[in-house]
């Protein structure tokens, strides 16, 4: 595989495009918004500059990486010669199903279609295509250029050959792939999201404050980031969406999202992306200041 198409120029999409291009692949980053593509390229450029400053790559490496990266607003044209398409659009099941129907019609018959979904069924996504054996999950972690893990998720029909190719490809990117099966939340979010949800319940029920909860988990459990801070970083809307997938998929009340999380998302308090969640971020993301609602 040489030609990679990435759908979606947001945080995950630009990170995925970055690592593929830096690893020597020809990459087309696709988004319906030209402004989003421009922003993504600026982000990739900044991230490459950091690597140059840290002497992890040279200026020549940076230039070569950017040369291998092109953008497109027309999805059909952008995937027309792709060997692999990685979809990294918003975590919305209807949107993803629509995209995969379009990809199936536009991408070469031999192309593998991957999704970066963090919770949605690979089997369900594959079922809207005529190539379910060639549909697989590649769940990268954020920030993509730094985090090593890739969850490689087999759908019900995903072939052994495709799984082997994606495992090997992930290693080419310098990642550590882990093969998992297709059940709601896979491994990472099936374990992580109930922990975050329980932390929100702990706040909701008045057991402790925001800083206290995060401090216990950082100092007591050696977590690099507290669960409420992590929820802000992921996006409270994304956390809510994943918990709903888990709740619907398993029918188990233990996955029901905390009412506080539901209310915060309805109020537009989505974490870092909106400037406020459990903490406020108008001053930047380095210094943690608890949101006024929780003081």
Protein backbone atom coordinates (compact mmCIF):
# COMPACT_ATOMS: atom_id res chain seq x y z
CA UNK A 1 0.00 0.00 0.00
CA UNK A 2 1.36 3.37 -1.07
CA UNK A 3 -1.57 5.73 -1.57
CA UNK A 4 -3.56 6.65 1.53
CA UNK A 5 -6.72 8.76 1.67
CA UNK A 6 -7.85 10.21 5.01
CA UNK A 7 -11.43 11.43 5.38
CA UNK A 8 -11.86 14.32 7.82
CA UNK A 9 -9.40 17.12 8.60
CA UNK A 10 -10.15 17.46 12.32
CA UNK A 11 -7.83 16.59 15.20
CA UNK A 12 -7.72 12.87 14.45
CA UNK A 13 -7.71 13.18 10.66
CA UNK A 14 -4.81 15.63 10.48
CA UNK A 15 -2.85 13.50 12.95
CA UNK A 16 -3.42 10.33 10.91
CA UNK A 17 -2.46 12.13 7.69
CA UNK A 18 0.68 13.44 9.42
CA UNK A 19 1.95 10.02 10.54
CA UNK A 20 1.30 8.37 7.18
CA UNK A 21 3.04 11.16 5.26
CA UNK A 22 5.98 11.20 7.68
CA UNK A 23 6.28 7.42 7.25
CA UNK A 24 6.75 7.74 3.50
CA UNK A 25 3.21 7.24 2.17
CA UNK A 26 1.49 9.47 -0.37
CA UNK A 27 -1.50 10.98 1.44
CA UNK A 28 -4.63 12.80 0.33
CA UNK A 29 -6.44 14.54 3.19
CA UNK A 30 -10.10 15.05 2.33
CA UNK A 31 -12.71 17.33 3.88
CA UNK A 32 -15.74 19.17 2.52
CA UNK A 33 -14.41 22.34 4.18
CA UNK A 34 -11.46 24.10 2.52
CA UNK A 35 -10.97 26.10 5.72
CA UNK A 36 -10.69 22.89 7.75
CA UNK A 37 -8.06 21.59 5.33
CA UNK A 38 -6.08 24.83 5.59
CA UNK A 39 -6.23 24.64 9.39
CA UNK A 40 -5.13 20.98 9.31
CA UNK A 41 -2.10 21.75 7.16
CA UNK A 42 -1.11 24.57 9.53
CA UNK A 43 -1.37 22.14 12.47
CA UNK A 44 0.73 19.52 10.72
CA UNK A 45 3.31 22.16 9.84
CA UNK A 46 3.52 23.28 13.50
CA UNK A 47 3.83 19.71 14.73
CA UNK A 48 6.62 19.02 12.25
CA UNK A 49 8.38 22.20 13.38
CA UNK A 50 8.33 20.88 16.95
CA UNK A 51 9.96 17.66 15.78
CA UNK A 52 12.66 19.66 13.97
CA UNK A 53 13.27 21.77 17.10
CA UNK A 54 13.63 18.58 19.16
CA UNK A 55 16.01 17.20 16.48
CA UNK A 56 13.82 14.15 15.89
CA UNK A 57 13.59 14.99 12.17
CA UNK A 58 15.50 17.32 9.86
CA UNK A 59 14.22 20.25 7.80
CA UNK A 60 14.61 17.97 4.76
CA UNK A 61 12.41 15.34 6.43
CA UNK A 62 9.78 17.99 7.13
CA UNK A 63 9.82 19.22 3.52
CA UNK A 64 9.54 15.64 2.19
CA UNK A 65 6.62 14.92 4.52
CA UNK A 66 4.70 17.99 3.35
CA UNK A 67 5.48 17.17 -0.29
CA UNK A 68 3.80 13.78 0.11
CA UNK A 69 0.63 15.41 1.46
CA UNK A 70 -2.13 16.86 -0.71
CA UNK A 71 -5.70 17.93 0.07
CA UNK A 72 -9.07 17.58 -1.64
CA UNK A 73 -12.66 18.71 -1.04
CA UNK A 74 -14.11 16.17 -3.51
CA UNK A 75 -14.19 12.77 -1.81
CA UNK A 76 -14.73 10.72 -4.97
CA UNK A 77 -11.71 12.29 -6.68
CA UNK A 78 -9.63 12.10 -3.52
CA UNK A 79 -10.05 8.34 -3.08
CA UNK A 80 -9.94 7.37 -6.77
CA UNK A 81 -6.47 5.78 -6.56
CA UNK A 82 -6.32 4.94 -2.85
CA UNK A 83 -4.97 1.62 -1.61
CA UNK A 84 -6.31 2.40 1.86
CA UNK A 85 -8.94 4.88 3.02
CA UNK A 86 -9.02 5.86 6.70
CA UNK A 87 -12.26 7.58 7.72
CA UNK A 88 -11.88 9.99 10.64
CA UNK A 89 -15.11 11.98 10.48
CA UNK A 90 -17.30 12.98 13.43
CA UNK A 91 -18.37 10.10 15.72
CA UNK A 92 -21.88 9.92 14.28
CA UNK A 93 -23.19 6.59 13.05
CA UNK A 94 -25.47 7.95 10.30
CA UNK A 95 -22.68 10.12 8.91
CA UNK A 96 -20.23 7.23 8.90
CA UNK A 97 -22.68 4.89 7.14
CA UNK A 98 -23.28 7.54 4.46
CA UNK A 99 -19.53 8.08 3.98
CA UNK A 100 -18.85 4.35 3.64
CA UNK A 101 -21.57 3.95 1.04
CA UNK A 102 -19.91 6.74 -0.94
CA UNK A 103 -16.42 5.30 -0.41
CA UNK A 104 -17.55 1.88 -1.58
CA UNK A 105 -18.77 3.40 -4.84
CA UNK A 106 -15.75 5.67 -5.41
CA UNK A 107 -12.67 3.81 -4.14
CA UNK A 108 -10.90 1.12 -6.21
CA UNK A 109 -12.36 -2.37 -5.72
CA UNK A 110 -9.08 -3.51 -4.18
CA UNK A 111 -8.94 -0.73 -1.59
CA UNK A 112 -9.23 -1.43 2.13
CA UNK A 113 -11.73 0.82 3.90
CA UNK A 114 -10.82 1.59 7.53
CA UNK A 115 -12.60 3.66 10.15
CA UNK A 116 -11.07 5.46 13.10
CA UNK A 117 -14.30 5.10 15.08
CA UNK A 118 -13.79 4.76 18.81
CA UNK A 119 -16.99 2.81 19.49
CA UNK A 120 -19.30 2.27 16.50
CA UNK A 121 -19.70 -1.30 15.19
CA UNK A 122 -17.32 -2.17 12.34
CA UNK A 123 -19.78 -4.88 11.29
CA UNK A 124 -22.58 -2.32 10.98
CA UNK A 125 -20.38 0.00 8.91
CA UNK A 126 -19.17 -2.85 6.70
CA UNK A 127 -22.73 -3.99 6.04
CA UNK A 128 -23.53 -0.89 3.94
CA UNK A 129 -20.69 -1.74 1.52
CA UNK A 130 -20.23 -4.41 -1.13
CA UNK A 131 -16.83 -5.29 0.35
CA UNK A 132 -17.37 -6.21 4.03
CA UNK A 133 -14.26 -8.43 4.04
CA UNK A 134 -12.20 -5.29 3.30
CA UNK A 135 -13.63 -3.09 6.06
CA UNK A 136 -11.73 -2.78 9.35
CA UNK A 137 -11.26 -0.48 12.33
CA UNK A 138 -8.05 1.48 12.89
CA UNK A 139 -8.63 3.31 16.17
CA UNK A 140 -5.71 5.70 16.64
CA UNK A 141 -5.23 7.47 19.97
CA UNK A 142 -5.04 11.25 20.40
CA UNK A 143 -2.58 12.93 19.82
CA UNK A 144 -1.89 10.59 16.89
CA UNK A 145 1.75 11.58 16.19
CA UNK A 146 2.68 10.79 19.82
CA UNK A 147 0.48 7.92 21.02
CA UNK A 148 1.71 4.45 20.09
CA UNK A 149 -1.46 2.38 20.32
CA UNK A 150 -3.69 1.48 17.38
CA UNK A 151 -6.71 -0.72 18.11
CA UNK A 152 -7.19 -2.86 15.01
CA UNK A 153 -10.82 -4.00 15.09
CA UNK A 154 -12.07 -6.93 13.05
CA UNK A 155 -15.67 -6.76 11.90
CA UNK A 156 -17.70 -9.96 11.64
CA UNK A 157 -16.67 -10.38 7.99
CA UNK A 158 -13.18 -8.79 8.00
CA UNK A 159 -10.74 -11.19 6.31
CA UNK A 160 -7.57 -12.56 7.87
CA UNK A 161 -5.59 -11.11 4.97
CA UNK A 162 -6.88 -7.58 5.53
CA UNK A 163 -6.29 -7.82 9.28
CA UNK A 164 -2.71 -9.02 8.73
CA UNK A 165 -2.05 -6.17 6.28
CA UNK A 166 -3.38 -3.50 8.67
CA UNK A 167 -1.43 -4.92 11.63
CA UNK A 168 1.78 -4.81 9.54
CA UNK A 169 0.97 -1.35 8.20
CA UNK A 170 0.45 0.00 11.71
CA UNK A 171 3.91 -1.24 12.65
CA UNK A 172 5.33 0.57 9.60
CA UNK A 173 3.96 3.77 11.13
CA UNK A 174 5.92 3.08 14.30
CA UNK A 175 2.74 2.18 16.16
CA UNK A 176 1.92 -0.77 18.43
CA UNK A 177 -1.20 -2.42 16.98
CA UNK A 178 -3.48 -4.57 19.14
CA UNK A 179 -6.06 -6.79 17.45
CA UNK A 180 -9.51 -6.77 19.08
CA UNK A 181 -12.96 -8.02 18.15
CA UNK A 182 -16.01 -5.95 17.27
CA UNK A 183 -18.06 -5.32 20.41
CA UNK A 184 -19.30 -1.92 21.66
CA UNK A 185 -16.42 0.29 22.79
CA UNK A 186 -13.86 -2.34 21.74
CA UNK A 187 -11.28 -2.48 24.57
CA UNK A 188 -10.06 1.09 25.15
CA UNK A 189 -13.39 2.84 25.52
CA UNK A 190 -15.24 -0.08 27.07
CA UNK A 191 -12.88 0.30 30.03
CA UNK A 192 -12.11 4.04 29.89
CA UNK A 193 -15.60 5.50 29.46
CA UNK A 194 -17.20 3.81 32.49
CA UNK A 195 -14.28 5.13 34.57
CA UNK A 196 -14.83 8.68 33.28
CA UNK A 197 -18.59 8.31 33.80
CA UNK A 198 -18.02 7.12 37.38
CA UNK A 199 -15.75 10.11 38.02
CA UNK A 200 -18.55 12.40 36.79
CA UNK A 201 -21.05 10.59 39.05
CA UNK A 202 -18.62 11.05 41.96
CA UNK A 203 -18.67 14.81 41.29
CA UNK A 204 -22.44 14.83 40.66
CA UNK A 205 -23.15 13.12 43.99
CA UNK A 206 -20.91 15.52 45.92
CA UNK A 207 -18.34 12.95 47.02
CA UNK A 208 -15.47 15.27 46.06
CA UNK A 209 -14.61 18.24 43.87
CA UNK A 210 -13.09 18.33 40.38
CA UNK A 211 -9.48 18.82 41.49
CA UNK A 212 -9.80 16.32 44.31
CA UNK A 213 -11.13 13.56 42.04
CA UNK A 214 -8.41 14.13 39.45
CA UNK A 215 -5.71 14.32 42.12
CA UNK A 216 -6.74 10.98 43.63
CA UNK A 217 -6.49 9.26 40.25
CA UNK A 218 -3.20 10.94 39.31
CA UNK A 219 -1.37 10.43 42.59
CA UNK A 220 -3.11 7.28 43.79
CA UNK A 221 -3.38 5.37 40.51
CA UNK A 222 -0.42 6.91 38.61
CA UNK A 223 -2.65 8.20 35.82
CA UNK A 224 -0.90 10.96 33.84
CA UNK A 225 -4.17 12.92 33.61
CA UNK A 226 -7.21 12.89 35.87
CA UNK A 227 -10.46 11.45 34.42
CA UNK A 228 -12.32 14.77 34.41
CA UNK A 229 -9.43 16.56 32.72
CA UNK A 230 -9.21 13.66 30.25
CA UNK A 231 -12.94 13.93 29.53
CA UNK A 232 -12.45 17.63 28.70
CA UNK A 233 -9.53 16.69 26.45
CA UNK A 234 -11.51 13.99 24.58
CA UNK A 235 -14.61 16.18 24.36
CA UNK A 236 -17.62 15.73 26.63
CA UNK A 237 -19.86 15.33 23.59
CA UNK A 238 -17.66 12.47 22.36
CA UNK A 239 -17.71 10.83 25.81
CA UNK A 240 -21.51 11.07 25.84
CA UNK A 241 -21.77 9.59 22.34
CA UNK A 242 -19.55 6.63 23.26
CA UNK A 243 -21.44 5.95 26.50
CA UNK A 244 -24.69 5.91 24.54
CA UNK A 245 -23.21 3.38 22.10
CA UNK A 246 -22.16 1.20 25.06
CA UNK A 247 -25.56 1.59 26.74
CA UNK A 248 -27.49 0.78 23.56
CA UNK A 249 -25.13 -2.02 22.55
CA UNK A 250 -25.12 -3.91 25.84
CA UNK A 251 -28.47 -2.81 27.29
CA UNK A 252 -26.76 -2.62 30.66
CA UNK A 253 -27.65 0.30 32.98
CA UNK A 254 -24.05 0.49 34.23
CA UNK A 255 -23.20 2.29 30.97
CA UNK A 256 -25.95 4.94 31.31
CA UNK A 257 -24.36 8.40 31.07
CA UNK A 258 -24.42 10.55 34.18
CA UNK A 259 -27.16 13.26 34.04
CA UNK A 260 -24.49 15.88 34.75
CA UNK A 261 -22.63 14.89 31.57
CA UNK A 262 -25.85 15.03 29.55
CA UNK A 263 -26.68 18.50 30.87
CA UNK A 264 -23.18 19.85 30.28
CA UNK A 265 -23.22 18.73 26.64
CA UNK A 266 -26.71 20.21 26.12
CA UNK A 267 -25.42 23.48 27.60
CA UNK A 268 -22.51 23.52 25.12
CA UNK A 269 -19.86 22.82 27.77
CA UNK A 270 -17.84 20.28 25.79
CA UNK A 271 -14.37 20.67 27.29
CA UNK A 272 -11.29 22.07 25.58
CA UNK A 273 -13.01 22.40 22.20
CA UNK A 274 -15.62 24.80 23.62
CA UNK A 275 -13.32 26.51 26.11
CA UNK A 276 -15.05 25.08 29.18
CA UNK A 277 -15.92 21.72 30.70
CA UNK A 278 -14.89 20.67 34.17
CA UNK A 279 -12.07 23.21 33.77
CA UNK A 280 -11.86 26.48 31.81
CA UNK A 281 -9.46 26.91 28.91
CA UNK A 282 -9.69 30.55 27.84
CA UNK A 283 -6.18 31.01 29.24
CA UNK A 284 -4.81 28.00 27.33
CA UNK A 285 -4.56 24.34 28.29
CA UNK A 286 -1.41 24.29 30.44
CA UNK A 287 -2.83 25.75 33.66
CA UNK A 288 -5.86 23.94 35.07
CA UNK A 289 -8.56 26.24 36.45
CA UNK A 290 -11.76 24.62 37.70
CA UNK A 291 -14.88 25.94 35.96
CA UNK A 292 -16.97 28.33 38.05
CA UNK A 293 -19.88 25.84 38.09
CA UNK A 294 -17.79 23.47 40.23
CA UNK A 295 -16.07 25.90 42.61
